[in-house]
Amino acid sequence: MNTNPLSRYERTRKLLKLWLNVPEVPLSCDDCADHMDCLVELLLADASPIGILAAVKQHIEHCHCCRTEFEALLSILRMERTDSP
């Protein structure tokens, strides 16, 4: 039985990250903003995000500021698509 407190801490941290669905290497808001338009286009095309876009989606789910920006961009593009012939 391993009673090393550091390994117990690491195991607990990893379990919490999985439970909270936090990426191992979190994406910054700047990185998220760089890819947000691609994610919006992908979601408007009813496709599933993979790779970096999945990380962007996950960041947006946890970051209020980025979620607000994402929802605004999504609304604008939806309106543009409905207005176009």
N, C-alpha and C. Protein backbone atom coordinates (compact mmCIF):
# COMPACT_ATOMS: atom_id res chain seq x y z
N MET A 1 0.84 -1.18 0.00
CA MET A 1 0.00 0.00 0.00
C MET A 1 0.88 1.24 0.00
N ASN A 2 0.66 2.13 -0.95
CA ASN A 2 1.44 3.35 -1.07
C ASN A 2 0.81 4.45 -0.23
N THR A 3 1.57 4.94 0.75
CA THR A 3 1.04 6.01 1.62
C THR A 3 1.73 7.33 1.36
N ASN A 4 2.41 7.44 0.25
CA ASN A 4 3.09 8.68 -0.10
C ASN A 4 2.05 9.79 -0.29
N PRO A 5 2.10 10.87 0.53
CA PRO A 5 1.07 11.91 0.43
C PRO A 5 1.04 12.61 -0.93
N LEU A 6 2.21 12.74 -1.57
CA LEU A 6 2.23 13.40 -2.87
C LEU A 6 1.47 12.57 -3.90
N SER A 7 1.69 11.27 -3.91
CA SER A 7 0.98 10.45 -4.89
C SER A 7 -0.52 10.42 -4.57
N ARG A 8 -0.89 10.44 -3.30
CA ARG A 8 -2.29 10.50 -2.93
C ARG A 8 -2.89 11.83 -3.41
N TYR A 9 -2.12 12.90 -3.24
CA TYR A 9 -2.55 14.23 -3.71
C TYR A 9 -2.74 14.21 -5.23
N GLU A 10 -1.77 13.66 -5.93
CA GLU A 10 -1.84 13.61 -7.40
C GLU A 10 -3.04 12.78 -7.86
N ARG A 11 -3.28 11.65 -7.22
CA ARG A 11 -4.43 10.83 -7.59
C ARG A 11 -5.74 11.59 -7.36
N THR A 12 -5.82 12.27 -6.22
CA THR A 12 -7.02 13.05 -5.90
C THR A 12 -7.21 14.17 -6.91
N ARG A 13 -6.12 14.85 -7.26
CA ARG A 13 -6.18 15.95 -8.22
C ARG A 13 -6.66 15.45 -9.58
N LYS A 14 -6.13 14.34 -10.03
CA LYS A 14 -6.54 13.79 -11.33
C LYS A 14 -8.00 13.36 -11.32
N LEU A 15 -8.43 12.75 -10.22
CA LEU A 15 -9.84 12.36 -10.12
C LEU A 15 -10.75 13.57 -10.14
N LEU A 16 -10.36 14.62 -9.43
CA LEU A 16 -11.17 15.84 -9.42
C LEU A 16 -11.22 16.48 -10.80
N LYS A 17 -10.08 16.48 -11.51
CA LYS A 17 -10.07 17.04 -12.86
C LYS A 17 -10.99 16.26 -13.78
N LEU A 18 -10.96 14.94 -13.66
CA LEU A 18 -11.86 14.12 -14.48
C LEU A 18 -13.31 14.39 -14.11
N TRP A 19 -13.57 14.46 -12.83
CA TRP A 19 -14.93 14.68 -12.36
C TRP A 19 -15.45 16.04 -12.79
N LEU A 20 -14.59 17.07 -12.70
CA LEU A 20 -14.98 18.41 -13.09
C LEU A 20 -14.83 18.66 -14.58
N ASN A 21 -14.26 17.67 -15.29
CA ASN A 21 -14.06 17.78 -16.73
C ASN A 21 -13.14 18.93 -17.10
N VAL A 22 -12.05 19.08 -16.33
CA VAL A 22 -11.07 20.13 -16.58
C VAL A 22 -9.93 19.52 -17.38
N PRO A 23 -9.51 20.17 -18.47
CA PRO A 23 -8.43 19.61 -19.27
C PRO A 23 -7.12 19.56 -18.49
N GLU A 24 -6.26 18.59 -18.82
CA GLU A 24 -4.96 18.45 -18.15
C GLU A 24 -4.13 19.72 -18.30
N VAL A 25 -4.10 20.28 -19.51
CA VAL A 25 -3.43 21.55 -19.74
C VAL A 25 -4.51 22.55 -20.15
N PRO A 26 -4.93 23.40 -19.21
CA PRO A 26 -6.04 24.30 -19.53
C PRO A 26 -5.70 25.27 -20.66
N LEU A 27 -6.69 25.59 -21.43
CA LEU A 27 -6.57 26.54 -22.53
C LEU A 27 -6.73 27.95 -21.97
N SER A 28 -5.92 28.87 -22.43
CA SER A 28 -6.06 30.26 -21.99
C SER A 28 -7.20 30.92 -22.76
N CYS A 29 -7.67 32.04 -22.24
CA CYS A 29 -8.73 32.78 -22.93
C CYS A 29 -8.25 33.26 -24.30
N ASP A 30 -6.98 33.65 -24.40
CA ASP A 30 -6.44 34.08 -25.70
C ASP A 30 -6.44 32.94 -26.71
N ASP A 31 -6.02 31.75 -26.26
CA ASP A 31 -6.04 30.58 -27.14
C ASP A 31 -7.46 30.24 -27.56
N CYS A 32 -8.36 30.36 -26.61
CA CYS A 32 -9.78 30.09 -26.89
C CYS A 32 -10.29 31.06 -27.95
N ALA A 33 -9.99 32.34 -27.79
CA ALA A 33 -10.46 33.36 -28.73
C ALA A 33 -9.90 33.11 -30.14
N ASP A 34 -8.66 32.60 -30.21
CA ASP A 34 -8.05 32.32 -31.51
C ASP A 34 -8.81 31.27 -32.32
N HIS A 35 -9.51 30.38 -31.64
CA HIS A 35 -10.18 29.27 -32.32
C HIS A 35 -11.70 29.32 -32.22
N MET A 36 -12.22 30.32 -31.54
CA MET A 36 -13.65 30.39 -31.28
C MET A 36 -14.48 30.43 -32.56
N ASP A 37 -14.04 31.18 -33.55
CA ASP A 37 -14.80 31.28 -34.80
C ASP A 37 -14.91 29.93 -35.50
N CYS A 38 -13.84 29.15 -35.44
CA CYS A 38 -13.88 27.81 -36.05
C CYS A 38 -14.88 26.91 -35.34
N LEU A 39 -14.92 27.02 -34.01
CA LEU A 39 -15.87 26.22 -33.25
C LEU A 39 -17.31 26.61 -33.58
N VAL A 40 -17.56 27.90 -33.70
CA VAL A 40 -18.91 28.36 -34.05
C VAL A 40 -19.32 27.79 -35.41
N GLU A 41 -18.45 27.89 -36.40
CA GLU A 41 -18.76 27.37 -37.74
C GLU A 41 -19.02 25.87 -37.69
N LEU A 42 -18.22 25.17 -36.93
CA LEU A 42 -18.38 23.72 -36.80
C LEU A 42 -19.73 23.37 -36.18
N LEU A 43 -20.09 24.07 -35.11
CA LEU A 43 -21.36 23.80 -34.44
C LEU A 43 -22.55 24.18 -35.31
N LEU A 44 -22.41 25.26 -36.08
CA LEU A 44 -23.49 25.64 -36.99
C LEU A 44 -23.68 24.62 -38.11
N ALA A 45 -22.62 23.88 -38.41
CA ALA A 45 -22.69 22.83 -39.42
C ALA A 45 -23.10 21.48 -38.80
N ASP A 46 -23.50 21.51 -37.52
CA ASP A 46 -23.91 20.30 -36.79
C ASP A 46 -22.84 19.23 -36.74
N ALA A 47 -21.58 19.65 -36.65
CA ALA A 47 -20.47 18.71 -36.54
C ALA A 47 -19.96 18.70 -35.09
N SER A 48 -19.30 17.63 -34.73
CA SER A 48 -18.76 17.51 -33.37
C SER A 48 -17.32 18.00 -33.33
N PRO A 49 -16.99 18.82 -32.32
CA PRO A 49 -15.62 19.31 -32.21
C PRO A 49 -14.67 18.22 -31.73
N ILE A 50 -13.48 18.19 -32.33
CA ILE A 50 -12.43 17.27 -31.89
C ILE A 50 -11.14 18.06 -31.75
N GLY A 51 -10.17 17.48 -31.11
CA GLY A 51 -8.86 18.11 -30.94
C GLY A 51 -8.94 19.43 -30.22
N ILE A 52 -8.28 20.43 -30.77
CA ILE A 52 -8.22 21.75 -30.13
C ILE A 52 -9.60 22.35 -29.99
N LEU A 53 -10.49 22.09 -30.93
CA LEU A 53 -11.83 22.67 -30.84
C LEU A 53 -12.64 22.06 -29.70
N ALA A 54 -12.36 20.81 -29.37
CA ALA A 54 -13.01 20.21 -28.20
C ALA A 54 -12.51 20.90 -26.93
N ALA A 55 -11.22 21.24 -26.90
CA ALA A 55 -10.66 21.96 -25.75
C ALA A 55 -11.24 23.37 -25.66
N VAL A 56 -11.46 24.00 -26.81
CA VAL A 56 -12.07 25.34 -26.84
C VAL A 56 -13.49 25.25 -26.29
N LYS A 57 -14.24 24.25 -26.73
CA LYS A 57 -15.62 24.07 -26.24
C LYS A 57 -15.62 23.85 -24.74
N GLN A 58 -14.70 23.06 -24.27
CA GLN A 58 -14.60 22.78 -22.84
C GLN A 58 -14.26 24.05 -22.06
N HIS A 59 -13.34 24.86 -22.59
CA HIS A 59 -12.98 26.12 -21.95
C HIS A 59 -14.19 27.04 -21.86
N ILE A 60 -14.94 27.11 -22.93
CA ILE A 60 -16.12 27.98 -22.98
C ILE A 60 -17.16 27.54 -21.93
N GLU A 61 -17.27 26.25 -21.72
CA GLU A 61 -18.21 25.74 -20.72
C GLU A 61 -17.84 26.17 -19.30
N HIS A 62 -16.56 26.44 -19.06
CA HIS A 62 -16.08 26.77 -17.72
C HIS A 62 -15.73 28.24 -17.53
N CYS A 63 -15.69 29.03 -18.58
CA CYS A 63 -15.25 30.43 -18.49
C CYS A 63 -16.40 31.36 -18.89
N HIS A 64 -16.89 32.11 -17.95
CA HIS A 64 -18.04 32.99 -18.20
C HIS A 64 -17.73 34.04 -19.29
N CYS A 65 -16.56 34.65 -19.23
CA CYS A 65 -16.21 35.70 -20.21
C CYS A 65 -16.17 35.13 -21.63
N CYS A 66 -15.52 34.01 -21.80
CA CYS A 66 -15.43 33.41 -23.14
C CYS A 66 -16.79 32.89 -23.59
N ARG A 67 -17.59 32.36 -22.67
CA ARG A 67 -18.92 31.88 -23.02
C ARG A 67 -19.80 33.02 -23.53
N THR A 68 -19.69 34.19 -22.88
CA THR A 68 -20.46 35.36 -23.30
C THR A 68 -20.06 35.77 -24.71
N GLU A 69 -18.76 35.82 -24.97
CA GLU A 69 -18.26 36.18 -26.30
C GLU A 69 -18.69 35.14 -27.34
N PHE A 70 -18.59 33.88 -26.98
CA PHE A 70 -18.98 32.79 -27.88
C PHE A 70 -20.46 32.87 -28.24
N GLU A 71 -21.30 33.07 -27.24
CA GLU A 71 -22.75 33.15 -27.49
C GLU A 71 -23.10 34.35 -28.37
N ALA A 72 -22.40 35.46 -28.18
CA ALA A 72 -22.64 36.64 -29.03
C ALA A 72 -22.26 36.33 -30.48
N LEU A 73 -21.09 35.73 -30.66
CA LEU A 73 -20.63 35.38 -32.01
C LEU A 73 -21.58 34.38 -32.66
N LEU A 74 -22.01 33.40 -31.90
CA LEU A 74 -22.94 32.40 -32.41
C LEU A 74 -24.26 33.05 -32.84
N SER A 75 -24.77 33.96 -32.04
CA SER A 75 -26.02 34.67 -32.37
C SER A 75 -25.89 35.49 -33.65
N ILE A 76 -24.77 36.19 -33.78
CA ILE A 76 -24.53 37.02 -34.97
C ILE A 76 -24.50 36.15 -36.22
N LEU A 77 -23.75 35.05 -36.16
CA LEU A 77 -23.64 34.19 -37.34
C LEU A 77 -24.96 33.50 -37.67
N ARG A 78 -25.72 33.14 -36.65
CA ARG A 78 -27.05 32.56 -36.91
C ARG A 78 -27.96 33.56 -37.61
N MET A 79 -27.92 34.83 -37.15
CA MET A 79 -28.74 35.87 -37.78
C MET A 79 -28.31 36.11 -39.21
N GLU A 80 -26.99 36.12 -39.46
CA GLU A 80 -26.50 36.32 -40.82
C GLU A 80 -26.97 35.20 -41.74
N ARG A 81 -26.97 33.98 -41.24
CA ARG A 81 -27.39 32.85 -42.07
C ARG A 81 -28.89 32.88 -42.36
N THR A 82 -29.68 33.39 -41.44
CA THR A 82 -31.13 33.48 -41.67
C THR A 82 -31.45 34.63 -42.60
N ASP A 83 -30.66 35.69 -42.56
CA ASP A 83 -30.91 36.85 -43.42
C ASP A 83 -30.44 36.64 -44.85
N SER A 84 -29.46 35.76 -45.05
CA SER A 84 -28.94 35.58 -46.40
C SER A 84 -29.89 34.73 -47.24
N PRO A 85 -29.92 34.99 -48.57
CA PRO A 85 -30.85 34.27 -49.46
C PRO A 85 -30.50 32.81 -49.63
